[in-house]
Amino acid sequence: MSKVVIVTGGGRGIGAATSRLLASRGYAVGVNYRADRDSAEAVVAAIVAEGGRAIAVPADVSDEDAVRALFDAVADQLGPVTHLVNNAGALFTQSPLVDMSVERFNKVMLTNVTSCFLCSREFLRRAGEGGAIVNVSSVAARSGSPFEYVDYAASKGAVDTLTKGLSLEVAARGIRVNAVRPGFIHTRMHADGGEPDRIERLAAQIPLQRGGQPEEVANAIAWLLSDEASYVTGSFMDLAGGK
């Protein structure tokens, strides 16, 4: 059976690295994006140039109708979806919780948690026996990210709980659900938070003394999706240099 994966937020950062790696391992890839069409299409072009199969599909994955349309488009053009990477996420400017607006908090929850719920539900409604989901959480779920991103950390804590509960619900169907928890990864997300050089500031506090690369996270995601991890479900893999 051919392997078809949707990678939400697949046009940049961890999502882009994951899309390219999975394509190199024989997956047909639905590269989802919300607004950055150029980045998603660049990922697809790189995959196709190397002989892989991929399409770029726009969808706000926090919207129920858009998620259904995303799965329809990928199934129509690449085949039934067999694997899912819930990577789409949002992070806003560093702030203590007392200064956060409810609009910001709700936006983070909608983007990071509701999207994971909707895509996972759509995947399960269409899936037969077998398959795998990997959710991209964050080491922030453990640290709480005080004075910076408590809202983001809370959303990733919710992703962890969703991962654990869902893994138990679908284990008897042979569907595995796991999560990776990256931290201090060199992506544009730090600029979104208002501090592009955040990793350089914190590097001395990281046991490995450096930030990580998106490709290092992609390797973990690919392993959890693969048959090599066939006895792994409801598990969390931290990729934060020892933190």
Protein backbone atom coordinates (compact mmCIF):
# COMPACT_ATOMS: atom_id res chain seq x y z
CA MET A 1 0.00 0.00 0.00
CA SER A 2 1.37 3.42 -0.93
CA LYS A 3 2.19 5.82 1.91
CA VAL A 4 0.48 9.21 1.74
CA VAL A 5 1.11 11.79 4.44
CA ILE A 6 -0.30 15.22 5.21
CA VAL A 7 2.13 17.59 6.93
CA THR A 8 0.29 20.61 8.29
CA GLY A 9 2.35 23.78 8.25
CA GLY A 10 4.57 21.92 5.81
CA GLY A 11 6.06 24.88 3.98
CA ARG A 12 8.59 26.11 6.52
CA GLY A 13 10.76 25.09 9.44
CA ILE A 14 10.18 21.65 10.92
CA GLY A 15 7.27 21.03 8.56
CA ALA A 16 9.35 21.69 5.46
CA ALA A 17 12.22 19.50 6.66
CA THR A 18 9.75 16.73 7.48
CA SER A 19 8.02 16.97 4.11
CA ARG A 20 11.31 16.66 2.24
CA LEU A 21 12.58 13.78 4.36
CA LEU A 22 9.37 11.78 4.13
CA ALA A 23 9.29 12.25 0.36
CA SER A 24 12.82 10.88 0.16
CA ARG A 25 11.58 7.79 2.02
CA GLY A 26 8.78 7.05 -0.41
CA TYR A 27 5.83 8.99 0.97
CA ALA A 28 3.60 11.06 -1.26
CA VAL A 29 3.31 14.33 0.64
CA GLY A 30 0.46 16.79 1.00
CA VAL A 31 2.29 19.97 1.99
CA ASN A 32 -0.29 22.07 3.79
CA TYR A 33 0.04 25.81 4.27
CA ARG A 34 -2.24 28.62 5.41
CA ALA A 35 -0.75 31.77 3.86
CA ASP A 36 2.86 31.25 2.71
CA ARG A 37 2.20 29.75 -0.70
CA ASP A 38 5.68 30.44 -2.05
CA SER A 39 7.42 28.46 0.69
CA ALA A 40 5.09 25.48 0.30
CA GLU A 41 5.48 25.42 -3.46
CA ALA A 42 9.25 25.61 -3.08
CA VAL A 43 9.17 22.50 -0.89
CA VAL A 44 7.01 20.71 -3.46
CA ALA A 45 9.31 21.75 -6.30
CA ALA A 46 12.33 20.39 -4.42
CA ILE A 47 10.55 17.08 -3.81
CA VAL A 48 9.44 16.71 -7.42
CA ALA A 49 12.93 17.58 -8.67
CA GLU A 50 14.26 14.60 -6.71
CA GLY A 51 11.65 12.26 -8.19
CA GLY A 52 9.12 12.40 -5.36
CA ARG A 53 5.39 13.08 -5.32
CA ALA A 54 3.97 16.09 -3.53
CA ILE A 55 1.33 18.79 -3.78
CA ALA A 56 0.87 22.07 -1.94
CA VAL A 57 -2.61 22.49 -0.44
CA PRO A 58 -3.87 25.70 1.19
CA ALA A 59 -6.05 25.27 4.26
CA ASP A 60 -6.60 26.92 7.60
CA VAL A 61 -6.48 23.70 9.62
CA SER A 62 -8.32 25.28 12.54
CA ASP A 63 -11.40 25.42 10.29
CA GLU A 64 -13.52 22.26 10.04
CA ASP A 65 -14.61 22.68 6.42
CA ALA A 66 -11.08 23.54 5.32
CA VAL A 67 -9.73 20.39 6.94
CA ARG A 68 -12.23 18.23 5.08
CA ALA A 69 -11.28 19.95 1.82
CA LEU A 70 -7.58 19.39 2.57
CA PHE A 71 -8.05 15.66 3.03
CA ASP A 72 -10.26 15.49 -0.08
CA ALA A 73 -7.64 17.25 -2.20
CA VAL A 74 -4.80 15.01 -1.03
CA ALA A 75 -6.86 11.83 -1.45
CA ASP A 76 -7.94 12.86 -4.95
CA GLN A 77 -4.45 13.69 -6.17
CA LEU A 78 -2.16 11.40 -4.17
CA GLY A 79 -4.36 8.66 -2.73
CA PRO A 80 -5.92 7.85 0.66
CA VAL A 81 -4.07 9.46 3.55
CA THR A 82 -2.18 6.85 5.60
CA HIS A 83 -0.09 9.09 7.87
CA LEU A 84 -0.48 12.52 9.47
CA VAL A 85 1.92 15.05 10.97
CA ASN A 86 0.16 17.75 13.00
CA ASN A 87 2.80 20.46 12.81
CA ALA A 88 0.89 23.70 12.20
CA GLY A 89 1.30 26.16 15.06
CA ALA A 90 1.40 29.78 16.11
CA LEU A 91 3.44 31.74 18.63
CA PHE A 92 3.26 35.44 19.41
CA THR A 93 5.53 38.07 20.95
CA GLN A 94 7.08 37.24 24.30
CA SER A 95 4.90 38.42 27.18
CA PRO A 96 4.03 37.56 30.77
CA LEU A 97 0.56 36.10 31.09
CA VAL A 98 -0.78 39.14 32.94
CA ASP A 99 -0.31 41.23 29.78
CA MET A 100 -1.83 38.73 27.32
CA SER A 101 -5.18 39.40 25.69
CA VAL A 102 -7.88 36.77 25.59
CA GLU A 103 -7.90 37.15 21.79
CA ARG A 104 -4.25 36.11 21.67
CA PHE A 105 -4.79 33.19 24.04
CA ASN A 106 -7.76 31.90 22.06
CA LYS A 107 -5.90 32.27 18.76
CA VAL A 108 -3.02 30.16 20.05
CA MET A 109 -5.40 27.47 21.29
CA LEU A 110 -7.35 27.46 18.04
CA THR A 111 -4.24 27.23 15.88
CA ASN A 112 -2.27 24.76 17.99
CA VAL A 113 -4.92 22.56 19.60
CA THR A 114 -8.12 22.75 17.57
CA SER A 115 -6.16 22.11 14.38
CA CYS A 116 -4.63 18.99 15.90
CA PHE A 117 -8.08 17.77 16.98
CA LEU A 118 -9.71 18.45 13.61
CA CYS A 119 -6.99 16.88 11.49
CA SER A 120 -6.72 13.84 13.74
CA ARG A 121 -10.48 13.36 13.68
CA GLU A 122 -10.64 13.63 9.90
CA PHE A 123 -7.77 11.19 9.54
CA LEU A 124 -9.48 8.66 11.82
CA ARG A 125 -12.83 8.98 10.07
CA ARG A 126 -11.19 7.98 6.79
CA ALA A 127 -8.57 5.50 8.02
CA GLY A 128 -8.86 1.76 8.03
CA GLU A 129 -6.56 -0.44 10.07
CA GLY A 130 -3.04 0.80 10.64
CA GLY A 131 -1.38 4.13 10.04
CA ALA A 132 0.26 6.66 12.31
CA ILE A 133 -0.06 10.20 13.60
CA VAL A 134 2.76 12.32 14.97
CA ASN A 135 1.89 15.52 16.79
CA VAL A 136 4.48 18.28 17.08
CA SER A 137 4.35 19.44 20.68
CA SER A 138 7.12 21.39 22.42
CA VAL A 139 9.47 21.17 25.38
CA ALA A 140 7.47 24.23 26.51
CA ALA A 141 4.76 21.79 27.60
CA ARG A 142 7.16 20.77 30.39
CA SER A 143 8.81 24.11 31.16
CA GLY A 144 5.70 26.32 31.02
CA SER A 145 7.71 29.09 29.26
CA PRO A 146 7.20 31.64 32.07
CA PHE A 147 7.36 35.35 31.15
CA GLU A 148 7.49 34.45 27.45
CA TYR A 149 4.87 32.05 26.06
CA VAL A 150 2.66 30.58 28.79
CA ASP A 151 -0.20 30.48 26.28
CA TYR A 152 1.92 28.52 23.78
CA ALA A 153 3.12 26.18 26.53
CA ALA A 154 -0.45 25.57 27.66
CA SER A 155 -1.50 24.74 24.10
CA LYS A 156 1.32 22.21 23.78
CA GLY A 157 0.36 20.68 27.12
CA ALA A 158 -3.09 20.16 25.62
CA VAL A 159 -1.50 18.53 22.56
CA ASP A 160 0.36 16.13 24.86
CA THR A 161 -2.87 15.14 26.60
CA LEU A 162 -4.68 14.72 23.29
CA THR A 163 -1.82 12.53 22.07
CA LYS A 164 -1.99 10.24 25.08
CA GLY A 165 -5.77 9.88 25.13
CA LEU A 166 -6.11 9.38 21.40
CA SER A 167 -3.36 6.78 21.33
CA LEU A 168 -5.39 4.66 23.75
CA GLU A 169 -8.62 5.13 21.81
CA VAL A 170 -7.22 3.90 18.50
CA ALA A 171 -4.57 1.36 19.51
CA ALA A 172 -6.89 -1.57 18.82
CA ARG A 173 -7.21 -0.35 15.23
CA GLY A 174 -3.45 -0.59 14.80
CA ILE A 175 -3.14 3.19 14.55
CA ARG A 176 -0.24 4.67 16.49
CA VAL A 177 -0.23 8.22 17.92
CA ASN A 178 2.95 9.79 19.26
CA ALA A 179 4.44 13.23 19.74
CA VAL A 180 7.78 14.97 19.44
CA ARG A 181 8.68 17.81 21.81
CA PRO A 182 11.25 20.06 20.12
CA GLY A 183 12.98 22.94 21.84
CA PHE A 184 15.54 25.55 20.81
CA ILE A 185 15.26 24.68 17.11
CA HIS A 186 16.57 27.10 14.49
CA THR A 187 13.35 28.19 12.76
CA ARG A 188 11.62 31.48 11.99
CA MET A 189 9.30 30.96 14.96
CA HIS A 190 11.72 32.77 17.25
CA ALA A 191 11.41 35.86 15.08
CA ASP A 192 7.63 35.52 15.41
CA GLY A 193 8.16 35.73 19.16
CA GLY A 194 10.15 38.94 18.81
CA GLU A 195 13.64 37.56 19.51
CA PRO A 196 15.31 36.10 16.41
CA ASP A 197 18.52 35.39 18.36
CA ARG A 198 16.81 33.68 21.32
CA ILE A 199 18.70 30.41 20.81
CA GLU A 200 22.06 32.18 20.89
CA ARG A 201 21.08 33.80 24.20
CA LEU A 202 20.10 30.47 25.72
CA ALA A 203 22.75 28.20 24.16
CA ALA A 204 24.95 28.17 27.27
CA GLN A 205 22.02 26.79 29.29
CA ILE A 206 21.47 23.86 26.88
CA PRO A 207 23.48 20.77 27.85
CA LEU A 208 24.55 20.19 24.23
CA GLN A 209 25.53 23.88 24.04
CA ARG A 210 23.71 24.54 20.76
CA GLY A 211 20.36 24.85 19.12
CA GLY A 212 18.88 22.09 17.00
CA GLN A 213 18.14 21.95 13.30
CA PRO A 214 14.72 21.23 11.76
CA GLU A 215 16.18 18.17 10.07
CA GLU A 216 17.00 16.66 13.47
CA VAL A 217 13.35 16.89 14.46
CA ALA A 218 12.26 15.55 11.07
CA ASN A 219 14.37 12.43 11.64
CA ALA A 220 12.48 11.71 14.86
CA ILE A 221 9.10 12.30 13.21
CA ALA A 222 10.00 10.00 10.33
CA TRP A 223 11.05 7.24 12.73
CA LEU A 224 7.83 7.48 14.75
CA LEU A 225 5.78 7.26 11.55
CA SER A 226 7.74 4.28 10.26
CA ASP A 227 7.32 0.56 10.82
CA GLU A 228 10.56 0.67 12.81
CA ALA A 229 8.45 2.23 15.59
CA SER A 230 5.69 -0.36 15.24
CA TYR A 231 5.51 -0.99 19.01
CA VAL A 232 5.58 2.68 20.01
CA THR A 233 2.38 4.58 20.78
CA GLY A 234 1.33 7.16 23.32
CA SER A 235 4.98 8.18 23.65
CA PHE A 236 6.85 11.50 23.63
CA MET A 237 10.30 12.16 22.22
CA ASP A 238 12.09 15.26 23.51
CA LEU A 239 14.47 17.00 21.11
CA ALA A 240 15.82 19.89 23.15
CA GLY A 241 19.56 19.26 23.55
CA GLY A 242 19.16 17.73 26.98
CA LYS A 243 16.86 20.35 28.53
